[in-house]
Amino acid sequence: MAVRHRLIKTTPQAVWDVLADGTQYADWVVGTSSSTPKRGQWPQVGAAIGYEVSLGPVSLTNETVVRRCEEGSVLELEAIAGPLGTARIAIELRPWGEQCLVIVDEHPLRGAGGMLHNMGVEALIQLRHRAMLARLAELCEEEAGEKRRPDAAPAPEPGAGHA
């Protein structure tokens, strides 16, 4: 079972806001090149998004379904990858002072992924999670920073101030 954690320098609410936006899925999930809503209202239970994984000239279309959602703290997903099978991905958010401890727990459920699961695959999942959590942290911290910045003066109109 691949479990990994990361302290993200923003609030759990800021992290939840990113997780709850299905359109940002491809921005933080490693290997995903695009994502689109398929059914339901993400991240409600049963909602799904489709996503594309590109491996060189080959593109695969898969689906992720919300299996459990405790708003603001827990999101459990089932990634459905056709013949490769399915995987459970549980994401837990814990307040850690002013910051957020994010814990990701992933393991195969069905199909070839479960039958082929071994220490080597586990190591690859750990590397993927490290990159995924880094992307999530960058996205959340960047968005939180933009919200904290005071409103800047609007840019001058082109040609304004010139006679």
Protein backbone atom coordinates (compact mmCIF):
# COMPACT_ATOMS: atom_id res chain seq x y z
CA MET A 1 0.00 0.00 0.00
CA ALA A 2 1.55 3.30 -1.12
CA VAL A 3 1.09 5.94 1.56
CA ARG A 4 2.78 9.31 1.26
CA HIS A 5 2.31 12.67 2.96
CA ARG A 6 3.30 16.29 2.46
CA LEU A 7 2.93 19.46 4.47
CA ILE A 8 1.43 22.14 2.24
CA LYS A 9 2.00 25.75 3.28
CA THR A 10 -1.61 26.85 3.16
CA THR A 11 -4.87 26.05 4.92
CA PRO A 12 -6.80 22.79 4.53
CA GLN A 13 -9.61 24.85 2.97
CA ALA A 14 -7.28 26.15 0.25
CA VAL A 15 -6.18 22.58 -0.53
CA TRP A 16 -9.79 21.38 -0.50
CA ASP A 17 -10.74 24.14 -2.94
CA VAL A 18 -8.27 22.70 -5.46
CA LEU A 19 -9.33 19.07 -4.88
CA ALA A 20 -13.01 20.04 -5.18
CA ASP A 21 -12.43 21.65 -8.59
CA GLY A 22 -12.59 18.76 -11.06
CA THR A 23 -11.29 21.00 -13.84
CA GLN A 24 -7.93 21.20 -12.01
CA TYR A 25 -7.51 17.41 -11.73
CA ALA A 26 -5.06 17.26 -14.64
CA ASP A 27 -3.03 20.09 -13.08
CA TRP A 28 -1.96 18.01 -10.07
CA VAL A 29 -2.42 14.34 -11.05
CA VAL A 30 0.81 13.07 -12.61
CA GLY A 31 0.39 11.48 -16.04
CA THR A 32 -2.95 13.12 -16.75
CA SER A 33 -2.95 15.46 -19.75
CA SER A 34 -6.56 16.69 -19.56
CA SER A 35 -9.73 16.21 -17.51
CA THR A 36 -13.42 16.88 -18.15
CA PRO A 37 -16.57 16.38 -16.09
CA LYS A 38 -18.50 13.24 -17.06
CA ARG A 39 -21.39 13.05 -14.63
CA GLY A 40 -22.57 14.43 -11.33
CA GLN A 41 -21.29 17.40 -9.37
CA TRP A 42 -17.61 16.93 -8.40
CA PRO A 43 -16.70 16.02 -5.64
CA GLN A 44 -20.06 14.54 -4.60
CA VAL A 45 -20.23 10.75 -4.22
CA GLY A 46 -20.81 9.14 -7.62
CA ALA A 47 -19.54 12.11 -9.61
CA ALA A 48 -16.98 11.27 -12.28
CA ILE A 49 -14.43 12.98 -14.43
CA GLY A 50 -12.85 11.61 -17.56
CA TYR A 51 -9.17 12.11 -18.09
CA GLU A 52 -6.63 11.40 -20.76
CA VAL A 53 -3.25 9.79 -20.25
CA SER A 54 -0.79 10.26 -23.10
CA LEU A 55 2.13 7.87 -23.52
CA GLY A 56 3.98 9.08 -26.59
CA PRO A 57 1.67 8.64 -29.59
CA VAL A 58 -0.82 6.57 -27.55
CA SER A 59 -3.63 8.25 -25.59
CA LEU A 60 -5.87 6.42 -23.15
CA THR A 61 -9.15 7.77 -21.83
CA ASN A 62 -9.95 6.75 -18.27
CA GLU A 63 -12.37 7.76 -15.54
CA THR A 64 -12.17 8.66 -11.86
CA VAL A 65 -15.24 8.30 -9.63
CA VAL A 66 -15.77 9.81 -6.18
CA ARG A 67 -16.51 6.98 -3.73
CA ARG A 68 -16.38 8.94 -0.46
CA CYS A 69 -16.37 12.63 0.33
CA GLU A 70 -16.21 14.36 3.69
CA GLU A 71 -16.14 17.98 2.61
CA GLY A 72 -12.96 19.72 3.62
CA SER A 73 -11.14 16.64 4.92
CA VAL A 74 -11.49 13.35 2.97
CA LEU A 75 -11.76 12.51 -0.71
CA GLU A 76 -11.68 8.87 -1.80
CA LEU A 77 -11.52 8.14 -5.49
CA GLU A 78 -11.62 5.07 -7.69
CA ALA A 79 -9.45 5.45 -10.78
CA ILE A 80 -10.74 3.17 -13.54
CA ALA A 81 -8.07 2.36 -16.11
CA GLY A 82 -9.79 -0.16 -18.37
CA PRO A 83 -7.89 -3.45 -18.68
CA LEU A 84 -5.29 -2.27 -16.17
CA GLY A 85 -7.99 -2.37 -13.51
CA THR A 86 -8.94 0.07 -10.80
CA ALA A 87 -7.21 1.72 -7.86
CA ARG A 88 -8.44 3.34 -4.66
CA ILE A 89 -6.90 6.73 -3.93
CA ALA A 90 -7.70 8.21 -0.54
CA ILE A 91 -6.69 11.80 0.15
CA GLU A 92 -6.93 13.08 3.71
CA LEU A 93 -6.42 16.68 4.79
CA ARG A 94 -5.39 17.45 8.36
CA PRO A 95 -4.91 20.90 9.86
CA TRP A 96 -1.30 21.32 10.97
CA GLY A 97 -1.08 24.67 12.68
CA GLU A 98 -1.79 27.20 9.92
CA GLN A 99 -0.88 24.63 7.27
CA CYS A 100 -2.28 21.39 5.85
CA LEU A 101 -0.90 17.86 6.13
CA VAL A 102 -2.01 15.92 3.05
CA ILE A 103 -1.93 12.11 3.23
CA VAL A 104 -2.39 10.03 0.07
CA ASP A 105 -3.05 6.29 0.30
CA GLU A 106 -3.33 4.34 -2.95
CA HIS A 107 -3.71 0.66 -3.69
CA PRO A 108 -5.07 -1.45 -6.55
CA LEU A 109 -8.58 -2.84 -6.22
CA ARG A 110 -9.31 -4.91 -9.33
CA GLY A 111 -7.77 -6.14 -12.54
CA ALA A 112 -4.20 -6.49 -13.73
CA GLY A 113 -2.95 -3.74 -11.42
CA GLY A 114 -3.86 -5.82 -8.39
CA MET A 115 -2.42 -9.05 -9.78
CA LEU A 116 0.88 -7.42 -10.79
CA HIS A 117 1.27 -5.34 -7.62
CA ASN A 118 4.70 -5.89 -6.05
CA MET A 119 7.53 -3.97 -4.39
CA GLY A 120 8.71 -2.53 -7.73
CA VAL A 121 5.26 -1.20 -8.58
CA GLU A 122 4.98 0.15 -5.04
CA ALA A 123 8.22 2.09 -5.52
CA LEU A 124 6.92 3.60 -8.78
CA ILE A 125 3.68 4.64 -7.06
CA GLN A 126 5.73 6.31 -4.31
CA LEU A 127 7.66 8.32 -6.92
CA ARG A 128 4.44 9.29 -8.65
CA HIS A 129 2.92 10.40 -5.34
CA ARG A 130 5.97 12.50 -4.51
CA ALA A 131 5.58 14.34 -7.84
CA MET A 132 1.79 14.56 -7.48
CA LEU A 133 1.98 16.06 -3.98
CA ALA A 134 4.64 18.53 -5.17
CA ARG A 135 2.31 19.65 -7.98
CA LEU A 136 -0.63 19.90 -5.59
CA ALA A 137 1.45 21.95 -3.12
CA GLU A 138 2.64 24.31 -5.84
CA LEU A 139 -0.89 24.83 -7.15
CA CYS A 140 -2.44 25.35 -3.69
CA GLU A 141 0.31 27.62 -2.38
CA GLU A 142 0.24 29.69 -5.59
CA GLU A 143 -3.55 30.10 -5.48
CA ALA A 144 -3.50 30.91 -1.75
CA GLY A 145 -0.78 33.52 -2.38
CA GLU A 146 -2.86 35.16 -5.09
CA LYS A 147 -5.84 35.40 -2.74
CA ARG A 148 -3.70 36.97 0.03
CA ARG A 149 -2.13 39.63 -2.23
CA PRO A 150 -3.68 43.06 -1.92
CA ASP A 151 -5.34 44.32 -5.05
CA ALA A 152 -2.72 45.80 -7.30
CA ALA A 153 -3.38 48.94 -9.24
CA PRO A 154 -4.84 48.09 -12.64
CA ALA A 155 -2.47 48.20 -15.57
CA PRO A 156 -2.64 51.47 -17.49
CA GLU A 157 -4.53 51.51 -20.75
CA PRO A 158 -2.29 51.19 -23.81
CA GLY A 159 -1.26 54.67 -24.89
CA ALA A 160 -2.52 56.28 -21.65
CA GLY A 161 -0.38 59.11 -20.37
CA HIS A 162 1.26 59.76 -23.74
CA ALA A 163 0.54 62.94 -25.65
